[in-house]
Amino acid sequence: MNKQAASKFIGVLFLSRTTAHQMHLATDSYSQHAGALGPFYTEIGELADGLAEQWMGEYEERLNIPTLAAKETNPLKYFRDTLKWVQDNRKEAFG
């Protein structure tokens, strides 16, 4: 497994939680506010935390999770881009 790739992968998931929460509060769209963003940010944090703890338990070393910042402000584009990034990078991070 690649520690650096796993660390960044978890960082991207944590960033997606924060970004979704911020977009949830900023949107005028009811479907984004109540339908899509709320459930995502309430669940992704726990899932990412579990993935990080599982990795650290298996390899008995800590990940160096980076602090990242989102540049995209359009929710649909942000999440499409993030989904593509996750799909493209998951094997390098977790085999």
PDB file of N, CA and C in Angstrom:
ATOM      1  N   MET A   1       0.834  -1.189   0.000  1.00  0.00           N
ATOM      2  CA  MET A   1       0.000   0.000   0.000  1.00  0.00           C
ATOM      3  C   MET A   1       0.877   1.250   0.000  1.00  0.00           C
ATOM      4  N   ASN A   2       0.336   2.290  -0.531  1.00  0.00           N
ATOM      5  CA  ASN A   2       1.065   3.548  -0.675  1.00  0.00           C
ATOM      6  C   ASN A   2       0.582   4.532   0.396  1.00  0.00           C
ATOM      7  N   LYS A   3       1.411   4.775   1.402  1.00  0.00           N
ATOM      8  CA  LYS A   3       1.032   5.639   2.517  1.00  0.00           C
ATOM      9  C   LYS A   3       0.699   7.054   2.060  1.00  0.00           C
ATOM     10  N   GLN A   4       1.506   7.605   1.170  1.00  0.00           N
ATOM     11  CA  GLN A   4       1.259   8.970   0.698  1.00  0.00           C
ATOM     12  C   GLN A   4      -0.062   9.055  -0.070  1.00  0.00           C
ATOM     13  N   ALA A   5      -0.337   8.074  -0.910  1.00  0.00           N
ATOM     14  CA  ALA A   5      -1.593   8.060  -1.672  1.00  0.00           C
ATOM     15  C   ALA A   5      -2.792   7.879  -0.744  1.00  0.00           C
ATOM     16  N   ALA A   6      -2.654   6.996   0.250  1.00  0.00           N
ATOM     17  CA  ALA A   6      -3.748   6.781   1.204  1.00  0.00           C
ATOM     18  C   ALA A   6      -4.012   8.041   2.020  1.00  0.00           C
ATOM     19  N   SER A   7      -2.945   8.722   2.420  1.00  0.00           N
ATOM     20  CA  SER A   7      -3.092   9.961   3.194  1.00  0.00           C
ATOM     21  C   SER A   7      -3.852  11.013   2.390  1.00  0.00           C
ATOM     22  N   LYS A   8      -3.469  11.195   1.134  1.00  0.00           N
ATOM     23  CA  LYS A   8      -4.150  12.191   0.301  1.00  0.00           C
ATOM     24  C   LYS A   8      -5.595  11.775   0.039  1.00  0.00           C
ATOM     25  N   PHE A   9      -5.834  10.487  -0.181  1.00  0.00           N
ATOM     26  CA  PHE A   9      -7.184   9.990  -0.429  1.00  0.00           C
ATOM     27  C   PHE A   9      -8.109  10.343   0.735  1.00  0.00           C
ATOM     28  N   ILE A  10      -7.654  10.075   1.957  1.00  0.00           N
ATOM     29  CA  ILE A  10      -8.452  10.412   3.142  1.00  0.00           C
ATOM     30  C   ILE A  10      -8.623  11.924   3.247  1.00  0.00           C
ATOM     31  N   GLY A  11      -7.579  12.683   2.947  1.00  0.00           N
ATOM     32  CA  GLY A  11      -7.681  14.141   2.948  1.00  0.00           C
ATOM     33  C   GLY A  11      -8.738  14.649   1.979  1.00  0.00           C
ATOM     34  N   VAL A  12      -8.811  14.039   0.805  1.00  0.00           N
ATOM     35  CA  VAL A  12      -9.823  14.425  -0.185  1.00  0.00           C
ATOM     36  C   VAL A  12     -11.226  14.108   0.337  1.00  0.00           C
ATOM     37  N   LEU A  13     -11.384  12.958   0.994  1.00  0.00           N
ATOM     38  CA  LEU A  13     -12.697  12.617   1.558  1.00  0.00           C
ATOM     39  C   LEU A  13     -13.098  13.594   2.665  1.00  0.00           C
ATOM     40  N   PHE A  14     -12.147  13.941   3.537  1.00  0.00           N
ATOM     41  CA  PHE A  14     -12.445  14.921   4.583  1.00  0.00           C
ATOM     42  C   PHE A  14     -12.782  16.285   3.976  1.00  0.00           C
ATOM     43  N   LEU A  15     -12.047  16.679   2.948  1.00  0.00           N
ATOM     44  CA  LEU A  15     -12.349  17.940   2.267  1.00  0.00           C
ATOM     45  C   LEU A  15     -13.748  17.902   1.672  1.00  0.00           C
ATOM     46  N   SER A  16     -14.145  16.775   1.098  1.00  0.00           N
ATOM     47  CA  SER A  16     -15.479  16.693   0.497  1.00  0.00           C
ATOM     48  C   SER A  16     -16.572  16.857   1.553  1.00  0.00           C
ATOM     49  N   ARG A  17     -16.305  16.370   2.769  1.00  0.00           N
ATOM     50  CA  ARG A  17     -17.273  16.558   3.859  1.00  0.00           C
ATOM     51  C   ARG A  17     -17.427  18.042   4.192  1.00  0.00           C
ATOM     52  N   THR A  18     -16.323  18.723   4.383  1.00  0.00           N
ATOM     53  CA  THR A  18     -16.356  20.142   4.729  1.00  0.00           C
ATOM     54  C   THR A  18     -16.970  20.970   3.599  1.00  0.00           C
ATOM     55  N   THR A  19     -16.571  20.671   2.380  1.00  0.00           N
ATOM     56  CA  THR A  19     -17.081  21.404   1.227  1.00  0.00           C
ATOM     57  C   THR A  19     -18.586  21.194   1.071  1.00  0.00           C
ATOM     58  N   ALA A  20     -19.041  19.963   1.228  1.00  0.00           N
ATOM     59  CA  ALA A  20     -20.477  19.681   1.130  1.00  0.00           C
ATOM     60  C   ALA A  20     -21.250  20.435   2.205  1.00  0.00           C
ATOM     61  N   HIS A  21     -20.721  20.495   3.416  1.00  0.00           N
ATOM     62  CA  HIS A  21     -21.398  21.201   4.502  1.00  0.00           C
ATOM     63  C   HIS A  21     -21.481  22.700   4.195  1.00  0.00           C
ATOM     64  N   GLN A  22     -20.389  23.270   3.714  1.00  0.00           N
ATOM     65  CA  GLN A  22     -20.389  24.690   3.363  1.00  0.00           C
ATOM     66  C   GLN A  22     -21.369  24.974   2.226  1.00  0.00           C
ATOM     67  N   MET A  23     -21.370  24.124   1.205  1.00  0.00           N
ATOM     68  CA  MET A  23     -22.290  24.302   0.080  1.00  0.00           C
ATOM     69  C   MET A  23     -23.738  24.108   0.518  1.00  0.00           C
ATOM     70  N   HIS A  24     -23.965  23.195   1.434  1.00  0.00           N
ATOM     71  CA  HIS A  24     -25.290  22.933   1.992  1.00  0.00           C
ATOM     72  C   HIS A  24     -25.865  24.207   2.636  1.00  0.00           C
ATOM     73  N   LEU A  25     -25.026  24.906   3.375  1.00  0.00           N
ATOM     74  CA  LEU A  25     -25.487  26.116   4.052  1.00  0.00           C
ATOM     75  C   LEU A  25     -25.589  27.325   3.125  1.00  0.00           C
ATOM     76  N   ALA A  26     -24.856  27.298   2.013  1.00  0.00           N
ATOM     77  CA  ALA A  26     -24.805  28.449   1.120  1.00  0.00           C
ATOM     78  C   ALA A  26     -25.834  28.414  -0.011  1.00  0.00           C
ATOM     79  N   THR A  27     -26.428  27.261  -0.259  1.00  0.00           N
ATOM     80  CA  THR A  27     -27.279  27.127  -1.438  1.00  0.00           C
ATOM     81  C   THR A  27     -28.696  27.669  -1.229  1.00  0.00           C
ATOM     82  N   ASP A  28     -29.272  28.149  -2.302  1.00  0.00           N
ATOM     83  CA  ASP A  28     -30.687  28.536  -2.316  1.00  0.00           C
ATOM     84  C   ASP A  28     -31.550  27.402  -2.868  1.00  0.00           C
ATOM     85  N   SER A  29     -30.908  26.341  -3.330  1.00  0.00           N
ATOM     86  CA  SER A  29     -31.603  25.213  -3.939  1.00  0.00           C
ATOM     87  C   SER A  29     -32.035  24.225  -2.859  1.00  0.00           C
ATOM     88  N   TYR A  30     -33.345  23.993  -2.766  1.00  0.00           N
ATOM     89  CA  TYR A  30     -33.840  23.051  -1.762  1.00  0.00           C
ATOM     90  C   TYR A  30     -33.310  21.646  -2.025  1.00  0.00           C
ATOM     91  N   SER A  31     -33.222  21.237  -3.290  1.00  0.00           N
ATOM     92  CA  SER A  31     -32.752  19.887  -3.589  1.00  0.00           C
ATOM     93  C   SER A  31     -31.300  19.699  -3.176  1.00  0.00           C
ATOM     94  N   GLN A  32     -30.472  20.734  -3.324  1.00  0.00           N
ATOM     95  CA  GLN A  32     -29.086  20.636  -2.872  1.00  0.00           C
ATOM     96  C   GLN A  32     -29.026  20.684  -1.352  1.00  0.00           C
ATOM     97  N   HIS A  33     -29.822  21.567  -0.745  1.00  0.00           N
ATOM     98  CA  HIS A  33     -29.771  21.758   0.703  1.00  0.00           C
ATOM     99  C   HIS A  33     -30.242  20.511   1.446  1.00  0.00           C
ATOM    100  N   ALA A  34     -31.438  20.064   1.150  1.00  0.00           N
ATOM    101  CA  ALA A  34     -32.034  18.977   1.925  1.00  0.00           C
ATOM    102  C   ALA A  34     -31.794  17.606   1.312  1.00  0.00           C
ATOM    103  N   GLY A  35     -31.711  17.556  -0.010  1.00  0.00           N
ATOM    104  CA  GLY A  35     -31.674  16.262  -0.661  1.00  0.00           C
ATOM    105  C   GLY A  35     -30.305  15.654  -0.832  1.00  0.00           C
ATOM    106  N   ALA A  36     -29.377  16.399  -1.369  1.00  0.00           N
ATOM    107  CA  ALA A  36     -28.109  15.799  -1.767  1.00  0.00           C
ATOM    108  C   ALA A  36     -26.979  16.064  -0.778  1.00  0.00           C
ATOM    109  N   LEU A  37     -26.802  17.297  -0.393  1.00  0.00           N
ATOM    110  CA  LEU A  37     -25.607  17.662   0.376  1.00  0.00           C
ATOM    111  C   LEU A  37     -25.672  17.220   1.832  1.00  0.00           C
ATOM    112  N   GLY A  38     -26.839  17.368   2.464  1.00  0.00           N
ATOM    113  CA  GLY A  38     -26.966  17.021   3.880  1.00  0.00           C
ATOM    114  C   GLY A  38     -26.603  15.581   4.187  1.00  0.00           C
ATOM    115  N   PRO A  39     -27.240  14.615   3.514  1.00  0.00           N
ATOM    116  CA  PRO A  39     -26.891  13.212   3.790  1.00  0.00           C
ATOM    117  C   PRO A  39     -25.428  12.890   3.483  1.00  0.00           C
ATOM    118  N   PHE A  40     -24.888  13.500   2.453  1.00  0.00           N
ATOM    119  CA  PHE A  40     -23.491  13.235   2.104  1.00  0.00           C
ATOM    120  C   PHE A  40     -22.553  13.659   3.230  1.00  0.00           C
ATOM    121  N   TYR A  41     -22.657  14.923   3.654  1.00  0.00           N
ATOM    122  CA  TYR A  41     -21.674  15.388   4.648  1.00  0.00           C
ATOM    123  C   TYR A  41     -21.894  14.755   6.010  1.00  0.00           C
ATOM    124  N   THR A  42     -23.090  14.292   6.315  1.00  0.00           N
ATOM    125  CA  THR A  42     -23.283  13.640   7.612  1.00  0.00           C
ATOM    126  C   THR A  42     -22.701  12.234   7.645  1.00  0.00           C
ATOM    127  N   GLU A  43     -22.543  11.589   6.499  1.00  0.00           N
ATOM    128  CA  GLU A  43     -22.057  10.214   6.471  1.00  0.00           C
ATOM    129  C   GLU A  43     -20.603  10.060   6.025  1.00  0.00           C
ATOM    130  N   ILE A  44     -20.118  10.905   5.141  1.00  0.00           N
ATOM    131  CA  ILE A  44     -18.789  10.697   4.570  1.00  0.00           C
ATOM    132  C   ILE A  44     -17.679  10.824   5.623  1.00  0.00           C
ATOM    133  N   GLY A  45     -17.861  11.669   6.605  1.00  0.00           N
ATOM    134  CA  GLY A  45     -16.833  11.829   7.633  1.00  0.00           C
ATOM    135  C   GLY A  45     -16.577  10.540   8.395  1.00  0.00           C
ATOM    136  N   GLU A  46     -17.639   9.881   8.821  1.00  0.00           N
ATOM    137  CA  GLU A  46     -17.489   8.622   9.552  1.00  0.00           C
ATOM    138  C   GLU A  46     -16.890   7.535   8.669  1.00  0.00           C
ATOM    139  N   LEU A  47     -17.305   7.501   7.412  1.00  0.00           N
ATOM    140  CA  LEU A  47     -16.760   6.503   6.494  1.00  0.00           C
ATOM    141  C   LEU A  47     -15.267   6.726   6.266  1.00  0.00           C
ATOM    142  N   ALA A  48     -14.874   7.979   6.052  1.00  0.00           N
ATOM    143  CA  ALA A  48     -13.457   8.300   5.839  1.00  0.00           C
ATOM    144  C   ALA A  48     -12.642   7.995   7.089  1.00  0.00           C
ATOM    145  N   ASP A  49     -13.184   8.319   8.257  1.00  0.00           N
ATOM    146  CA  ASP A  49     -12.494   8.041   9.510  1.00  0.00           C
ATOM    147  C   ASP A  49     -12.288   6.540   9.686  1.00  0.00           C
ATOM    148  N   GLY A  50     -13.312   5.768   9.388  1.00  0.00           N
ATOM    149  CA  GLY A  50     -13.194   4.309   9.493  1.00  0.00           C
ATOM    150  C   GLY A  50     -12.157   3.747   8.538  1.00  0.00           C
ATOM    151  N   LEU A  51     -12.115   4.275   7.324  1.00  0.00           N
ATOM    152  CA  LEU A  51     -11.131   3.842   6.339  1.00  0.00           C
ATOM    153  C   LEU A  51      -9.714   4.170   6.808  1.00  0.00           C
ATOM    154  N   ALA A  52      -9.530   5.373   7.341  1.00  0.00           N
ATOM    155  CA  ALA A  52      -8.213   5.774   7.846  1.00  0.00           C
ATOM    156  C   ALA A  52      -7.785   4.895   9.023  1.00  0.00           C
ATOM    157  N   GLU A  53      -8.692   4.642   9.954  1.00  0.00           N
ATOM    158  CA  GLU A  53      -8.350   3.822  11.114  1.00  0.00           C
ATOM    159  C   GLU A  53      -8.058   2.381  10.718  1.00  0.00           C
ATOM    160  N   GLN A  54      -8.775   1.885   9.728  1.00  0.00           N
ATOM    161  CA  GLN A  54      -8.515   0.529   9.250  1.00  0.00           C
ATOM    162  C   GLN A  54      -7.119   0.437   8.627  1.00  0.00           C
ATOM    163  N   TRP A  55      -6.767   1.431   7.813  1.00  0.00           N
ATOM    164  CA  TRP A  55      -5.440   1.453   7.185  1.00  0.00           C
ATOM    165  C   TRP A  55      -4.355   1.513   8.258  1.00  0.00           C
ATOM    166  N   MET A  56      -4.515   2.415   9.216  1.00  0.00           N
ATOM    167  CA  MET A  56      -3.494   2.583  10.249  1.00  0.00           C
ATOM    168  C   MET A  56      -3.379   1.336  11.128  1.00  0.00           C
ATOM    169  N   GLY A  57      -4.499   0.676  11.386  1.00  0.00           N
ATOM    170  CA  GLY A  57      -4.456  -0.550  12.170  1.00  0.00           C
ATOM    171  C   GLY A  57      -3.766  -1.678  11.430  1.00  0.00           C
ATOM    172  N   GLU A  58      -4.021  -1.769  10.139  1.00  0.00           N
ATOM    173  CA  GLU A  58      -3.411  -2.842   9.352  1.00  0.00           C
ATOM    174  C   GLU A  58      -1.907  -2.650   9.175  1.00  0.00           C
ATOM    175  N   TYR A  59      -1.483  -1.414   8.955  1.00  0.00           N
ATOM    176  CA  TYR A  59      -0.069  -1.153   8.680  1.00  0.00           C
ATOM    177  C   TYR A  59       0.706  -0.634   9.898  1.00  0.00           C
ATOM    178  N   GLU A  60       0.010  -0.442  10.997  1.00  0.00           N
ATOM    179  CA  GLU A  60       0.603  -0.011  12.264  1.00  0.00           C
ATOM    180  C   GLU A  60       1.476   1.234  12.131  1.00  0.00           C
ATOM    181  N   GLU A  61       0.987   2.189  11.364  1.00  0.00           N
ATOM    182  CA  GLU A  61       1.620   3.509  11.290  1.00  0.00           C
ATOM    183  C   GLU A  61       0.555   4.534  10.943  1.00  0.00           C
ATOM    184  N   ARG A  62       0.814   5.752  11.348  1.00  0.00           N
ATOM    185  CA  ARG A  62      -0.145   6.835  11.114  1.00  0.00           C
ATOM    186  C   ARG A  62      -0.047   7.362   9.693  1.00  0.00           C
ATOM    187  N   LEU A  63      -1.194   7.778   9.197  1.00  0.00           N
ATOM    188  CA  LEU A  63      -1.224   8.486   7.921  1.00  0.00           C
ATOM    189  C   LEU A  63      -0.912   9.954   8.173  1.00  0.00           C
ATOM    190  N   ASN A  64      -0.366  10.617   7.195  1.00  0.00           N
ATOM    191  CA  ASN A  64      -0.108  12.058   7.263  1.00  0.00           C
ATOM    192  C   ASN A  64      -1.153  12.756   6.404  1.00  0.00           C
ATOM    193  N   ILE A  65      -2.328  12.933   6.958  1.00  0.00           N
ATOM    194  CA  ILE A  65      -3.462  13.451   6.191  1.00  0.00           C
ATOM    195  C   ILE A  65      -3.290  14.951   5.982  1.00  0.00           C
ATOM    196  N   PRO A  66      -3.246  15.378   4.726  1.00  0.00           N
ATOM    197  CA  PRO A  66      -3.023  16.799   4.448  1.00  0.00           C
ATOM    198  C   PRO A  66      -4.286  17.625   4.652  1.00  0.00           C
ATOM    199  N   THR A  67      -4.092  18.890   4.896  1.00  0.00           N
ATOM    200  CA  THR A  67      -5.203  19.845   4.926  1.00  0.00           C
ATOM    201  C   THR A  67      -5.324  20.405   3.515  1.00  0.00           C
ATOM    202  N   LEU A  68      -6.470  20.214   2.922  1.00  0.00           N
ATOM    203  CA  LEU A  68      -6.700  20.615   1.535  1.00  0.00           C
ATOM    204  C   LEU A  68      -7.763  21.700   1.471  1.00  0.00           C
ATOM    205  N   ALA A  69      -7.834  22.394   0.343  1.00  0.00           N
ATOM    206  CA  ALA A  69      -8.842  23.435   0.133  1.00  0.00           C
ATOM    207  C   ALA A  69      -9.490  23.233  -1.224  1.00  0.00           C
ATOM    208  N   ALA A  70     -10.795  23.413  -1.267  1.00  0.00           N
ATOM    209  CA  ALA A  70     -11.537  23.293  -2.524  1.00  0.00           C
ATOM    210  C   ALA A  70     -11.456  24.598  -3.297  1.00  0.00           C
ATOM    211  N   LYS A  71     -11.336  24.470  -4.607  1.00  0.00           N
ATOM    212  CA  LYS A  71     -11.304  25.654  -5.465  1.00  0.00           C
ATOM    213  C   LYS A  71     -12.604  25.816  -6.246  1.00  0.00           C
ATOM    214  N   GLU A  72     -13.339  24.726  -6.414  1.00  0.00           N
ATOM    215  CA  GLU A  72     -14.579  24.750  -7.194  1.00  0.00           C
ATOM    216  C   GLU A  72     -15.747  25.180  -6.304  1.00  0.00           C
ATOM    217  N   THR A  73     -16.601  26.047  -6.802  1.00  0.00           N
ATOM    218  CA  THR A  73     -17.751  26.517  -6.028  1.00  0.00           C
ATOM    219  C   THR A  73     -19.077  25.958  -6.532  1.00  0.00           C
ATOM    220  N   ASN A  74     -19.085  25.365  -7.703  1.00  0.00           N
ATOM    221  CA  ASN A  74     -20.310  24.756  -8.240  1.00  0.00           C
ATOM    222  C   ASN A  74     -20.429  23.348  -7.671  1.00  0.00           C
ATOM    223  N   PRO A  75     -21.470  23.065  -6.879  1.00  0.00           N
ATOM    224  CA  PRO A  75     -21.570  21.761  -6.217  1.00  0.00           C
ATOM    225  C   PRO A  75     -21.533  20.570  -7.177  1.00  0.00           C
ATOM    226  N   LEU A  76     -22.273  20.627  -8.258  1.00  0.00           N
ATOM    227  CA  LEU A  76     -22.319  19.498  -9.170  1.00  0.00           C
ATOM    228  C   LEU A  76     -20.951  19.240  -9.800  1.00  0.00           C
ATOM    229  N   LYS A  77     -20.284  20.289 -10.242  1.00  0.00           N
ATOM    230  CA  LYS A  77     -18.954  20.127 -10.826  1.00  0.00           C
ATOM    231  C   LYS A  77     -17.971  19.639  -9.778  1.00  0.00           C
ATOM    232  N   TYR A  78     -18.021  20.209  -8.583  1.00  0.00           N
ATOM    233  CA  TYR A  78     -17.107  19.785  -7.522  1.00  0.00           C
ATOM    234  C   TYR A  78     -17.240  18.289  -7.256  1.00  0.00           C
ATOM    235  N   PHE A  79     -18.474  17.811  -7.100  1.00  0.00           N
ATOM    236  CA  PHE A  79     -18.656  16.409  -6.759  1.00  0.00           C
ATOM    237  C   PHE A  79     -18.399  15.477  -7.937  1.00  0.00           C
ATOM    238  N   ARG A  80     -18.646  15.910  -9.142  1.00  0.00           N
ATOM    239  CA  ARG A  80     -18.266  15.093 -10.302  1.00  0.00           C
ATOM    240  C   ARG A  80     -16.752  14.969 -10.394  1.00  0.00           C
ATOM    241  N   ASP A  81     -16.061  16.089 -10.227  1.00  0.00           N
ATOM    242  CA  ASP A  81     -14.594  16.072 -10.263  1.00  0.00           C
ATOM    243  C   ASP A  81     -14.025  15.218  -9.131  1.00  0.00           C
ATOM    244  N   THR A  82     -14.594  15.331  -7.930  1.00  0.00           N
ATOM    245  CA  THR A  82     -14.121  14.559  -6.787  1.00  0.00           C
ATOM    246  C   THR A  82     -14.384  13.070  -6.990  1.00  0.00           C
ATOM    247  N   LEU A  83     -15.542  12.731  -7.508  1.00  0.00           N
ATOM    248  CA  LEU A  83     -15.850  11.327  -7.785  1.00  0.00           C
ATOM    249  C   LEU A  83     -14.841  10.751  -8.772  1.00  0.00           C
ATOM    250  N   LYS A  84     -14.547  11.484  -9.824  1.00  0.00           N
ATOM    251  CA  LYS A  84     -13.564  11.013 -10.810  1.00  0.00           C
ATOM    252  C   LYS A  84     -12.199  10.836 -10.149  1.00  0.00           C
ATOM    253  N   TRP A  85     -11.807  11.786  -9.317  1.00  0.00           N
ATOM    254  CA  TRP A  85     -10.513  11.690  -8.625  1.00  0.00           C
ATOM    255  C   TRP A  85     -10.475  10.441  -7.741  1.00  0.00           C
ATOM    256  N   VAL A  86     -11.543  10.196  -6.997  1.00  0.00           N
ATOM    257  CA  VAL A  86     -11.618   9.022  -6.122  1.00  0.00           C
ATOM    258  C   VAL A  86     -11.511   7.741  -6.954  1.00  0.00           C
ATOM    259  N   GLN A  87     -12.248   7.673  -8.043  1.00  0.00           N
ATOM    260  CA  GLN A  87     -12.200   6.488  -8.889  1.00  0.00           C
ATOM    261  C   GLN A  87     -10.804   6.272  -9.476  1.00  0.00           C
ATOM    262  N   ASP A  88     -10.151   7.344  -9.874  1.00  0.00           N
ATOM    263  CA  ASP A  88      -8.827   7.248 -10.490  1.00  0.00           C
ATOM    264  C   ASP A  88      -7.712   6.931  -9.492  1.00  0.00           C
ATOM    265  N   ASN A  89      -7.913   7.226  -8.216  1.00  0.00           N
ATOM    266  CA  ASN A  89      -6.830   7.117  -7.230  1.00  0.00           C
ATOM    267  C   ASN A  89      -7.020   6.053  -6.157  1.00  0.00           C
ATOM    268  N   ARG A  90      -8.158   5.415  -6.097  1.00  0.00           N
ATOM    269  CA  ARG A  90      -8.421   4.480  -5.006  1.00  0.00           C
ATOM    270  C   ARG A  90      -7.519   3.248  -5.023  1.00  0.00           C
ATOM    271  N   LYS A  91      -7.201   2.760  -6.201  1.00  0.00           N
ATOM    272  CA  LYS A  91      -6.351   1.560  -6.261  1.00  0.00           C
ATOM    273  C   LYS A  91      -4.929   1.856  -5.810  1.00  0.00           C
ATOM    274  N   GLU A  92      -4.420   3.030  -6.154  1.00  0.00           N
ATOM    275  CA  GLU A  92      -3.069   3.378  -5.713  1.00  0.00           C
ATOM    276  C   GLU A  92      -3.033   3.508  -4.185  1.00  0.00           C
ATOM    277  N   ALA A  93      -4.110   4.039  -3.616  1.00  0.00           N
ATOM    278  CA  ALA A  93      -4.148   4.260  -2.172  1.00  0.00           C
ATOM    279  C   ALA A  93      -4.415   2.981  -1.377  1.00  0.00           C
ATOM    280  N   PHE A  94      -5.260   2.114  -1.922  1.00  0.00           N
ATOM    281  CA  PHE A  94      -5.706   0.956  -1.120  1.00  0.00           C
ATOM    282  C   PHE A  94      -5.608  -0.382  -1.824  1.00  0.00           C
ATOM    283  N   GLY A  95      -4.996  -0.412  -2.990  1.00  0.00           N
ATOM    284  CA  GLY A  95      -4.760  -1.677  -3.694  1.00  0.00           C
ATOM    285  C   GLY A  95      -5.895  -2.314  -4.360  1.00  0.00           C
TER     286      GLY A  95
END
